[in-house]
Amino acid sequence: MNVTFEVNSQAELEKLFLLFKSFQFENVKVVSSELKGNTLITKGNKSLNPKDLFGIWKSNPRSLDRKTYL
């Protein structure tokens, strides 16, 4: 199970750790969502025509119904 907590300060993070420690959880993993300026953003190819994608599933239609995907 994954649970996400968003904290705004180091003090809130420390309080959260104390809470986890009091419950004696064995597996706690901290993942930072802060991006330190090393993100890579690439622009898409604007020369592609999206109309070419219309009808690509006509021979194999898709549905949100789970039975269709399996």
N, C-alpha and C. Protein backbone atom coordinates (compact mmCIF):
# COMPACT_ATOMS: atom_id res chain seq x y z
N MET A 1 0.85 -1.16 0.00
CA MET A 1 0.00 0.00 0.00
C MET A 1 0.90 1.23 0.00
N ASN A 2 0.52 2.22 -0.79
CA ASN A 2 1.23 3.50 -0.82
C ASN A 2 0.35 4.58 -0.26
N VAL A 3 0.92 5.41 0.59
CA VAL A 3 0.21 6.54 1.17
C VAL A 3 1.07 7.77 0.93
N THR A 4 0.45 8.85 0.49
CA THR A 4 1.17 10.08 0.20
C THR A 4 0.82 11.15 1.21
N PHE A 5 1.83 11.76 1.78
CA PHE A 5 1.66 12.90 2.67
C PHE A 5 2.40 14.07 2.07
N GLU A 6 1.77 15.21 2.03
CA GLU A 6 2.44 16.42 1.56
C GLU A 6 2.70 17.30 2.77
N VAL A 7 3.96 17.62 2.99
CA VAL A 7 4.33 18.47 4.12
C VAL A 7 4.93 19.76 3.59
N ASN A 8 4.74 20.82 4.35
CA ASN A 8 5.21 22.13 3.91
C ASN A 8 6.48 22.59 4.58
N SER A 9 6.92 21.87 5.59
CA SER A 9 8.13 22.30 6.29
C SER A 9 8.86 21.10 6.87
N GLN A 10 10.07 21.36 7.26
CA GLN A 10 10.88 20.32 7.89
C GLN A 10 10.27 19.91 9.23
N ALA A 11 9.68 20.87 9.96
CA ALA A 11 9.06 20.58 11.25
C ALA A 11 7.89 19.61 11.09
N GLU A 12 7.08 19.80 10.05
CA GLU A 12 5.97 18.87 9.79
C GLU A 12 6.49 17.48 9.46
N LEU A 13 7.56 17.42 8.71
CA LEU A 13 8.15 16.13 8.35
C LEU A 13 8.65 15.41 9.60
N GLU A 14 9.27 16.13 10.50
CA GLU A 14 9.77 15.52 11.74
C GLU A 14 8.62 15.01 12.60
N LYS A 15 7.52 15.75 12.67
CA LYS A 15 6.34 15.29 13.42
C LYS A 15 5.77 14.02 12.80
N LEU A 16 5.77 13.95 11.49
CA LEU A 16 5.27 12.76 10.80
C LEU A 16 6.16 11.55 11.10
N PHE A 17 7.48 11.77 11.12
CA PHE A 17 8.39 10.68 11.47
C PHE A 17 8.16 10.19 12.89
N LEU A 18 7.92 11.11 13.82
CA LEU A 18 7.64 10.71 15.20
C LEU A 18 6.36 9.89 15.28
N LEU A 19 5.36 10.24 14.49
CA LEU A 19 4.13 9.47 14.45
C LEU A 19 4.39 8.06 13.95
N PHE A 20 5.15 7.94 12.86
CA PHE A 20 5.48 6.62 12.33
C PHE A 20 6.26 5.80 13.35
N LYS A 21 7.18 6.47 14.04
CA LYS A 21 7.99 5.77 15.03
C LYS A 21 7.13 5.26 16.18
N SER A 22 6.11 6.02 16.58
CA SER A 22 5.26 5.60 17.69
C SER A 22 4.41 4.38 17.31
N PHE A 23 4.07 4.24 16.05
CA PHE A 23 3.31 3.07 15.60
C PHE A 23 4.22 1.88 15.27
N GLN A 24 5.52 2.11 15.28
CA GLN A 24 6.52 1.08 15.01
C GLN A 24 6.33 0.44 13.64
N PHE A 25 6.09 1.26 12.63
CA PHE A 25 6.02 0.75 11.26
C PHE A 25 7.40 0.25 10.85
N GLU A 26 7.44 -0.84 10.12
CA GLU A 26 8.71 -1.40 9.70
C GLU A 26 9.20 -0.83 8.38
N ASN A 27 8.29 -0.61 7.45
CA ASN A 27 8.68 -0.17 6.11
C ASN A 27 8.13 1.22 5.84
N VAL A 28 9.00 2.21 5.98
CA VAL A 28 8.63 3.59 5.66
C VAL A 28 9.65 4.10 4.67
N LYS A 29 9.17 4.59 3.55
CA LYS A 29 10.06 5.10 2.51
C LYS A 29 9.69 6.55 2.24
N VAL A 30 10.69 7.42 2.20
CA VAL A 30 10.46 8.84 1.95
C VAL A 30 10.95 9.15 0.55
N VAL A 31 10.05 9.74 -0.24
CA VAL A 31 10.39 10.13 -1.61
C VAL A 31 10.13 11.60 -1.74
N SER A 32 11.13 12.35 -2.18
CA SER A 32 10.97 13.78 -2.35
C SER A 32 10.46 14.07 -3.75
N SER A 33 9.47 14.94 -3.83
CA SER A 33 8.95 15.31 -5.15
C SER A 33 9.60 16.58 -5.65
N GLU A 34 10.53 17.12 -4.90
CA GLU A 34 11.20 18.33 -5.34
C GLU A 34 12.12 18.01 -6.51
N LEU A 35 12.02 18.80 -7.53
CA LEU A 35 12.89 18.63 -8.69
C LEU A 35 13.93 19.74 -8.65
N LYS A 36 15.16 19.38 -8.70
CA LYS A 36 16.24 20.32 -8.51
C LYS A 36 16.74 20.93 -9.82
N GLY A 37 15.84 21.27 -10.70
CA GLY A 37 16.24 21.94 -11.93
C GLY A 37 16.84 21.03 -12.98
N ASN A 38 16.83 19.73 -12.76
CA ASN A 38 17.41 18.83 -13.75
C ASN A 38 16.34 18.11 -14.55
N THR A 39 15.18 18.75 -14.70
CA THR A 39 14.13 18.14 -15.51
C THR A 39 14.38 18.42 -16.98
N LEU A 40 14.00 17.48 -17.78
CA LEU A 40 14.19 17.60 -19.21
C LEU A 40 12.82 17.72 -19.87
N ILE A 41 12.57 18.84 -20.48
CA ILE A 41 11.30 19.05 -21.18
C ILE A 41 11.61 19.15 -22.66
N THR A 42 10.97 18.29 -23.44
CA THR A 42 11.18 18.34 -24.87
C THR A 42 9.86 18.72 -25.54
N LYS A 43 9.96 19.50 -26.55
CA LYS A 43 8.78 19.92 -27.30
C LYS A 43 8.39 18.82 -28.28
N GLY A 44 7.10 18.68 -28.50
CA GLY A 44 6.61 17.68 -29.43
C GLY A 44 6.84 18.07 -30.88
N ASN A 45 6.68 17.11 -31.77
CA ASN A 45 6.85 17.33 -33.19
C ASN A 45 5.54 17.90 -33.74
N LYS A 46 5.52 19.19 -34.02
CA LYS A 46 4.30 19.86 -34.48
C LYS A 46 3.97 19.54 -35.94
N SER A 47 4.88 18.89 -36.65
CA SER A 47 4.62 18.59 -38.06
C SER A 47 3.74 17.36 -38.23
N LEU A 48 3.53 16.57 -37.16
CA LEU A 48 2.68 15.39 -37.25
C LEU A 48 1.22 15.80 -37.32
N ASN A 49 0.44 15.11 -38.15
CA ASN A 49 -0.97 15.41 -38.32
C ASN A 49 -1.79 14.48 -37.41
N PRO A 50 -2.45 15.01 -36.38
CA PRO A 50 -3.21 14.14 -35.48
C PRO A 50 -4.40 13.46 -36.15
N LYS A 51 -4.87 13.97 -37.27
CA LYS A 51 -5.99 13.34 -37.97
C LYS A 51 -5.62 11.95 -38.48
N ASP A 52 -4.33 11.69 -38.66
CA ASP A 52 -3.89 10.37 -39.10
C ASP A 52 -4.17 9.30 -38.05
N LEU A 53 -4.37 9.70 -36.81
CA LEU A 53 -4.63 8.75 -35.74
C LEU A 53 -6.10 8.31 -35.66
N PHE A 54 -6.99 9.03 -36.30
CA PHE A 54 -8.40 8.69 -36.26
C PHE A 54 -8.63 7.35 -36.95
N GLY A 55 -9.33 6.46 -36.26
CA GLY A 55 -9.66 5.16 -36.84
C GLY A 55 -8.62 4.08 -36.63
N ILE A 56 -7.57 4.33 -35.82
CA ILE A 56 -6.52 3.31 -35.68
C ILE A 56 -7.02 2.07 -34.94
N TRP A 57 -8.13 2.20 -34.18
CA TRP A 57 -8.66 1.05 -33.44
C TRP A 57 -9.93 0.49 -34.08
N LYS A 58 -10.24 0.86 -35.30
CA LYS A 58 -11.50 0.40 -35.89
C LYS A 58 -11.54 -1.11 -36.09
N SER A 59 -10.41 -1.75 -36.33
CA SER A 59 -10.40 -3.20 -36.49
C SER A 59 -10.28 -3.93 -35.15
N ASN A 60 -9.90 -3.23 -34.09
CA ASN A 60 -9.76 -3.82 -32.76
C ASN A 60 -10.25 -2.79 -31.74
N PRO A 61 -11.58 -2.60 -31.64
CA PRO A 61 -12.10 -1.54 -30.77
C PRO A 61 -11.76 -1.76 -29.30
N ARG A 62 -11.60 -0.65 -28.59
CA ARG A 62 -11.28 -0.65 -27.17
C ARG A 62 -12.46 -0.13 -26.37
N SER A 63 -12.51 -0.54 -25.12
CA SER A 63 -13.57 -0.09 -24.23
C SER A 63 -13.00 0.03 -22.83
N LEU A 64 -13.65 0.80 -21.99
CA LEU A 64 -13.23 0.89 -20.60
C LEU A 64 -13.71 -0.31 -19.80
N ASP A 65 -14.54 -1.12 -20.39
CA ASP A 65 -14.99 -2.34 -19.74
C ASP A 65 -13.80 -3.29 -19.55
N ARG A 66 -13.62 -3.76 -18.34
CA ARG A 66 -12.45 -4.58 -17.99
C ARG A 66 -12.36 -5.85 -18.84
N LYS A 67 -13.47 -6.44 -19.19
CA LYS A 67 -13.46 -7.69 -19.96
C LYS A 67 -12.85 -7.48 -21.34
N THR A 68 -13.00 -6.30 -21.91
CA THR A 68 -12.48 -6.05 -23.24
C THR A 68 -10.96 -5.95 -23.24
N TYR A 69 -10.38 -5.42 -22.14
CA TYR A 69 -8.93 -5.25 -22.10
C TYR A 69 -8.19 -6.55 -21.83
N LEU A 70 -8.81 -7.52 -21.18
CA LEU A 70 -8.10 -8.74 -20.82
C LEU A 70 -8.06 -9.74 -21.92
